[in-house]
Amino acid sequence: MAEPARAVFFDLDGTLVRDGAADAAAQAIRALADRHPRIDADRLRSANGEVWESCWREQGERWARGELPDDAVARGVWRLTLERVEAPAAVTRGLLEEAVSLHLAAERRTFTLFDETRGVLDELRRRGIRLGLITNGPSESQREKLRRVGIDGLFDLVIASGDVGVLKPDAAIFALAVRELGVPASASLHVGDNFDADVVGAHRAGLTAVWIARDGARPPQAEVPHHTGDSLEVVLGLVA
């Protein structure tokens, strides 16, 4: 770093909390098939996986910019999923609402803190480091995750892409964050699990990038300067 760290910004999903989207979908599929024996769970699972990819390509960025309702992607995925495994007349509004409700409830259960998250955040605050969050997603749903896992009061600044209409890796969202917090980029770290969004984006904006590769993966762009760790505890060494 060009100067001692005064602020650390974090990504949310996959960095501070486990990304439970896949587990949530699996739980919702099992629950829906149990409630409606005519629905084949294997066909539902296969259709859901295929539909999810196409819906995310079509709607993901708009959803993250806050241009769509928080439940828009889930609702679109389940409507198309059910239409693939059920006769059109059987896909009632009630069945769709039931599937979406089961999925969102499962998400609330599966988004949980990584074991070291709370301890690292508390220690950084004890050291006088200012904390920020830069996350891609709708404003309210991302803040609800923070409240749900009990870390919403630990951050000096929270910026969701849905607040500003700009997504990581755009350098503008990082520049806004350091400006709002009043700390120069040269004295700031950004920590995240997505190499393109978090590492490349932070580096372009002048922050020190920290890549959390929990599975031991190798960086896809080794030429981009960054630090790597398999847990958030790597951050404590960088601001010692």
Protein backbone atom coordinates (compact mmCIF):
# COMPACT_ATOMS: atom_id res chain seq x y z
CA MET A 1 0.00 0.00 0.00
CA ALA A 2 1.10 3.55 -0.67
CA GLU A 3 0.28 4.53 2.92
CA PRO A 4 -1.04 2.84 6.08
CA ALA A 5 -4.57 1.52 5.80
CA ARG A 6 -7.26 3.75 7.21
CA ALA A 7 -10.29 2.02 5.70
CA VAL A 8 -11.28 -1.45 4.57
CA PHE A 9 -14.18 -1.99 2.19
CA PHE A 10 -15.80 -5.41 1.84
CA ASP A 11 -17.95 -7.20 -0.69
CA LEU A 12 -20.94 -8.99 0.86
CA ASP A 13 -22.10 -12.18 -0.89
CA GLY A 14 -19.44 -14.87 -0.91
CA THR A 15 -17.09 -12.69 1.14
CA LEU A 16 -18.75 -11.89 4.46
CA VAL A 17 -21.75 -14.19 4.07
CA ARG A 18 -22.12 -17.54 2.36
CA ASP A 19 -23.91 -17.23 -0.97
CA GLY A 20 -26.82 -19.53 -0.26
CA ALA A 21 -28.63 -19.13 -3.59
CA ALA A 22 -27.99 -22.69 -4.79
CA ASP A 23 -28.93 -24.21 -1.44
CA ALA A 24 -32.04 -22.04 -1.30
CA ALA A 25 -33.16 -23.25 -4.72
CA ALA A 26 -32.58 -26.88 -3.70
CA GLN A 27 -34.59 -26.45 -0.51
CA ALA A 28 -37.44 -24.76 -2.36
CA ILE A 29 -37.52 -27.52 -4.96
CA ARG A 30 -37.73 -30.25 -2.33
CA ALA A 31 -40.43 -28.41 -0.40
CA LEU A 32 -42.53 -27.71 -3.49
CA ALA A 33 -42.30 -31.32 -4.70
CA ASP A 34 -43.23 -32.59 -1.23
CA ARG A 35 -46.29 -30.35 -1.16
CA HIS A 36 -47.37 -31.26 -4.73
CA PRO A 37 -46.64 -34.96 -5.43
CA ARG A 38 -47.56 -34.56 -9.11
CA ILE A 39 -44.48 -32.36 -9.59
CA ASP A 40 -41.33 -34.35 -10.33
CA ALA A 41 -38.45 -33.00 -8.25
CA ASP A 42 -35.76 -34.06 -10.75
CA ARG A 43 -37.46 -32.32 -13.65
CA LEU A 44 -38.00 -29.27 -11.48
CA ARG A 45 -34.32 -29.22 -10.49
CA SER A 46 -33.12 -29.53 -14.07
CA ALA A 47 -35.47 -26.85 -15.36
CA ASN A 48 -34.61 -24.48 -12.52
CA GLY A 49 -30.87 -24.69 -13.24
CA GLU A 50 -31.36 -24.01 -16.94
CA VAL A 51 -33.81 -21.18 -16.41
CA TRP A 52 -31.73 -19.52 -13.71
CA GLU A 53 -28.79 -18.99 -16.08
CA SER A 54 -30.92 -17.49 -18.83
CA CYS A 55 -32.90 -15.25 -16.45
CA TRP A 56 -29.72 -13.97 -14.83
CA ARG A 57 -28.22 -13.08 -18.22
CA GLU A 58 -31.36 -11.18 -19.14
CA GLN A 59 -32.20 -9.53 -15.81
CA GLY A 60 -29.20 -9.75 -13.49
CA GLU A 61 -27.62 -6.38 -14.20
CA ARG A 62 -30.93 -4.51 -14.19
CA TRP A 63 -31.82 -6.18 -10.88
CA ALA A 64 -28.48 -5.23 -9.34
CA ARG A 65 -28.90 -1.63 -10.49
CA GLY A 66 -32.21 -1.42 -8.65
CA GLU A 67 -34.24 -1.15 -11.86
CA LEU A 68 -36.38 -4.20 -10.97
CA PRO A 69 -38.21 -5.27 -7.79
CA ASP A 70 -36.07 -7.23 -5.32
CA ASP A 71 -37.93 -10.47 -6.06
CA ALA A 72 -38.02 -9.99 -9.85
CA VAL A 73 -35.34 -12.53 -10.74
CA ALA A 74 -36.68 -15.19 -8.40
CA ARG A 75 -40.20 -14.63 -9.70
CA GLY A 76 -39.09 -14.84 -13.33
CA VAL A 77 -37.06 -17.98 -12.68
CA TRP A 78 -39.93 -19.77 -10.96
CA ARG A 79 -42.52 -18.79 -13.52
CA LEU A 80 -40.43 -20.23 -16.36
CA THR A 81 -39.38 -23.25 -14.28
CA LEU A 82 -42.96 -24.21 -13.52
CA GLU A 83 -44.04 -23.67 -17.11
CA ARG A 84 -41.43 -26.21 -18.21
CA VAL A 85 -42.64 -28.97 -15.90
CA GLU A 86 -46.36 -28.24 -15.60
CA ALA A 87 -49.19 -27.82 -18.06
CA PRO A 88 -49.80 -24.06 -18.57
CA ALA A 89 -53.21 -24.25 -16.89
CA ALA A 90 -51.61 -25.81 -13.80
CA VAL A 91 -49.24 -22.88 -13.27
CA THR A 92 -51.65 -20.83 -11.21
CA ARG A 93 -50.81 -17.56 -9.49
CA GLY A 94 -51.07 -19.38 -6.19
CA LEU A 95 -48.51 -22.03 -7.20
CA LEU A 96 -46.11 -19.36 -8.44
CA GLU A 97 -46.45 -17.33 -5.25
CA GLU A 98 -45.89 -20.48 -3.19
CA ALA A 99 -42.68 -21.31 -5.07
CA VAL A 100 -41.31 -17.77 -4.78
CA SER A 101 -42.18 -17.64 -1.08
CA LEU A 102 -40.44 -20.96 -0.40
CA HIS A 103 -37.35 -19.79 -2.28
CA LEU A 104 -37.07 -16.43 -0.52
CA ALA A 105 -37.63 -18.04 2.88
CA ALA A 106 -34.87 -20.56 2.13
CA GLU A 107 -32.53 -17.73 1.12
CA ARG A 108 -33.08 -16.08 4.47
CA ARG A 109 -31.95 -19.32 6.15
CA THR A 110 -28.96 -20.03 3.94
CA PHE A 111 -27.26 -16.63 3.90
CA THR A 112 -25.05 -16.97 6.99
CA LEU A 113 -21.78 -15.44 8.17
CA PHE A 114 -18.50 -17.18 7.50
CA ASP A 115 -16.96 -18.32 10.76
CA GLU A 116 -14.33 -15.58 10.93
CA THR A 117 -16.42 -12.66 9.67
CA ARG A 118 -17.59 -11.16 12.93
CA GLY A 119 -14.20 -11.51 14.64
CA VAL A 120 -12.33 -9.83 11.77
CA LEU A 121 -14.79 -6.92 11.58
CA ASP A 122 -14.67 -6.41 15.36
CA GLU A 123 -10.87 -6.48 15.39
CA LEU A 124 -10.60 -3.94 12.57
CA ARG A 125 -12.93 -1.61 14.42
CA ARG A 126 -10.89 -2.10 17.60
CA ARG A 127 -7.82 -0.98 15.66
CA GLY A 128 -9.58 2.19 14.54
CA ILE A 129 -10.01 1.12 10.91
CA ARG A 130 -13.07 2.53 9.19
CA LEU A 131 -15.29 -0.07 7.55
CA GLY A 132 -17.30 0.14 4.35
CA LEU A 133 -19.38 -2.23 2.25
CA ILE A 134 -19.58 -2.14 -1.55
CA THR A 135 -22.03 -4.71 -2.88
CA ASN A 136 -23.78 -5.48 -6.14
CA GLY A 137 -27.50 -5.89 -5.55
CA PRO A 138 -30.74 -4.07 -4.69
CA SER A 139 -30.41 -1.65 -1.80
CA GLU A 140 -33.05 -3.04 0.56
CA SER A 141 -32.33 -6.75 0.07
CA GLN A 142 -28.59 -6.27 0.65
CA ARG A 143 -29.19 -4.22 3.79
CA GLU A 144 -31.69 -6.81 5.00
CA LYS A 145 -28.95 -9.46 4.77
CA LEU A 146 -26.73 -7.31 7.00
CA ARG A 147 -29.53 -6.95 9.55
CA ARG A 148 -30.36 -10.64 9.41
CA VAL A 149 -26.83 -11.75 10.24
CA GLY A 150 -26.32 -9.00 12.82
CA ILE A 151 -23.50 -6.94 11.32
CA ASP A 152 -25.44 -3.95 10.03
CA GLY A 153 -24.15 -1.71 12.83
CA LEU A 154 -20.48 -2.38 12.12
CA PHE A 155 -20.10 -0.34 8.94
CA ASP A 156 -19.42 3.36 8.59
CA LEU A 157 -20.72 3.26 5.02
CA VAL A 158 -22.85 0.87 2.95
CA ILE A 159 -23.18 1.32 -0.80
CA ALA A 160 -25.24 -1.10 -2.88
CA SER A 161 -25.23 -0.88 -6.66
CA GLY A 162 -28.98 -0.47 -6.45
CA ASP A 163 -28.40 2.82 -4.60
CA VAL A 164 -26.38 4.39 -7.39
CA GLY A 165 -27.14 2.45 -10.58
CA VAL A 166 -23.47 1.47 -11.00
CA LEU A 167 -22.05 -2.04 -10.57
CA LYS A 168 -18.64 -3.31 -9.65
CA PRO A 169 -16.16 -3.51 -11.40
CA ASP A 170 -16.95 0.05 -12.55
CA ALA A 171 -14.36 2.24 -10.83
CA ALA A 172 -17.05 4.86 -10.20
CA ILE A 173 -18.65 2.89 -7.36
CA PHE A 174 -15.29 2.51 -5.60
CA ALA A 175 -14.49 6.20 -6.12
CA LEU A 176 -17.86 7.14 -4.63
CA ALA A 177 -17.24 4.92 -1.61
CA VAL A 178 -13.85 6.39 -0.70
CA ARG A 179 -15.16 9.91 -1.29
CA GLU A 180 -18.20 9.35 0.93
CA LEU A 181 -16.05 7.86 3.68
CA GLY A 182 -13.50 10.66 3.39
CA VAL A 183 -10.49 8.33 3.06
CA PRO A 184 -8.17 8.36 0.03
CA ALA A 185 -8.07 5.31 -2.21
CA SER A 186 -4.34 4.99 -1.51
CA ALA A 187 -5.14 4.32 2.17
CA SER A 188 -8.01 1.89 1.47
CA LEU A 189 -8.36 -1.83 0.88
CA HIS A 190 -11.20 -3.60 -0.85
CA VAL A 191 -11.82 -7.26 -0.03
CA GLY A 192 -13.92 -9.61 -2.16
CA ASP A 193 -14.30 -13.08 -3.64
CA ASN A 194 -15.06 -12.12 -7.25
CA PHE A 195 -11.82 -11.45 -9.08
CA ASP A 196 -13.26 -9.34 -11.88
CA ALA A 197 -15.74 -7.33 -9.81
CA ASP A 198 -13.70 -6.91 -6.63
CA VAL A 199 -10.01 -7.19 -7.51
CA VAL A 200 -9.92 -5.68 -10.99
CA GLY A 201 -12.45 -3.00 -10.08
CA ALA A 202 -10.70 -1.97 -6.88
CA HIS A 203 -7.28 -1.91 -8.53
CA ARG A 204 -8.53 0.33 -11.34
CA ALA A 205 -9.92 2.72 -8.74
CA GLY A 206 -6.60 2.93 -6.87
CA LEU A 207 -7.48 0.78 -3.84
CA THR A 208 -5.39 -2.12 -2.61
CA ALA A 209 -7.22 -5.26 -3.74
CA VAL A 210 -7.56 -8.36 -1.58
CA TRP A 211 -8.92 -11.53 -3.18
CA ILE A 212 -10.58 -14.11 -0.93
CA ALA A 213 -10.16 -17.46 -2.68
CA ARG A 214 -11.63 -19.89 -0.18
CA ASP A 215 -11.24 -22.82 -2.56
CA GLY A 216 -7.56 -22.16 -3.25
CA ALA A 217 -8.17 -21.11 -6.85
CA ARG A 218 -5.44 -19.41 -8.87
CA PRO A 219 -6.07 -15.82 -10.01
CA PRO A 220 -7.48 -15.63 -13.55
CA GLN A 221 -5.45 -12.47 -14.16
CA ALA A 222 -2.17 -12.88 -12.31
CA GLU A 223 -0.84 -9.62 -13.70
CA VAL A 224 -3.37 -7.57 -11.69
CA PRO A 225 -1.67 -6.57 -8.39
CA HIS A 226 -3.51 -7.96 -5.37
CA HIS A 227 -3.20 -9.88 -2.13
CA THR A 228 -4.77 -13.33 -1.77
CA GLY A 229 -6.07 -15.27 1.23
CA ASP A 230 -8.33 -18.23 1.92
CA SER A 231 -10.12 -16.40 4.73
CA LEU A 232 -10.82 -12.85 5.85
CA GLU A 233 -8.07 -13.12 8.45
CA VAL A 234 -5.53 -12.21 5.75
CA VAL A 235 -6.81 -8.64 6.09
CA LEU A 236 -5.61 -8.35 9.67
CA GLY A 237 -2.03 -8.92 8.57
CA LEU A 238 -2.29 -6.23 5.92
CA VAL A 239 -3.40 -3.55 8.39
CA ALA A 240 -1.18 -4.64 11.31
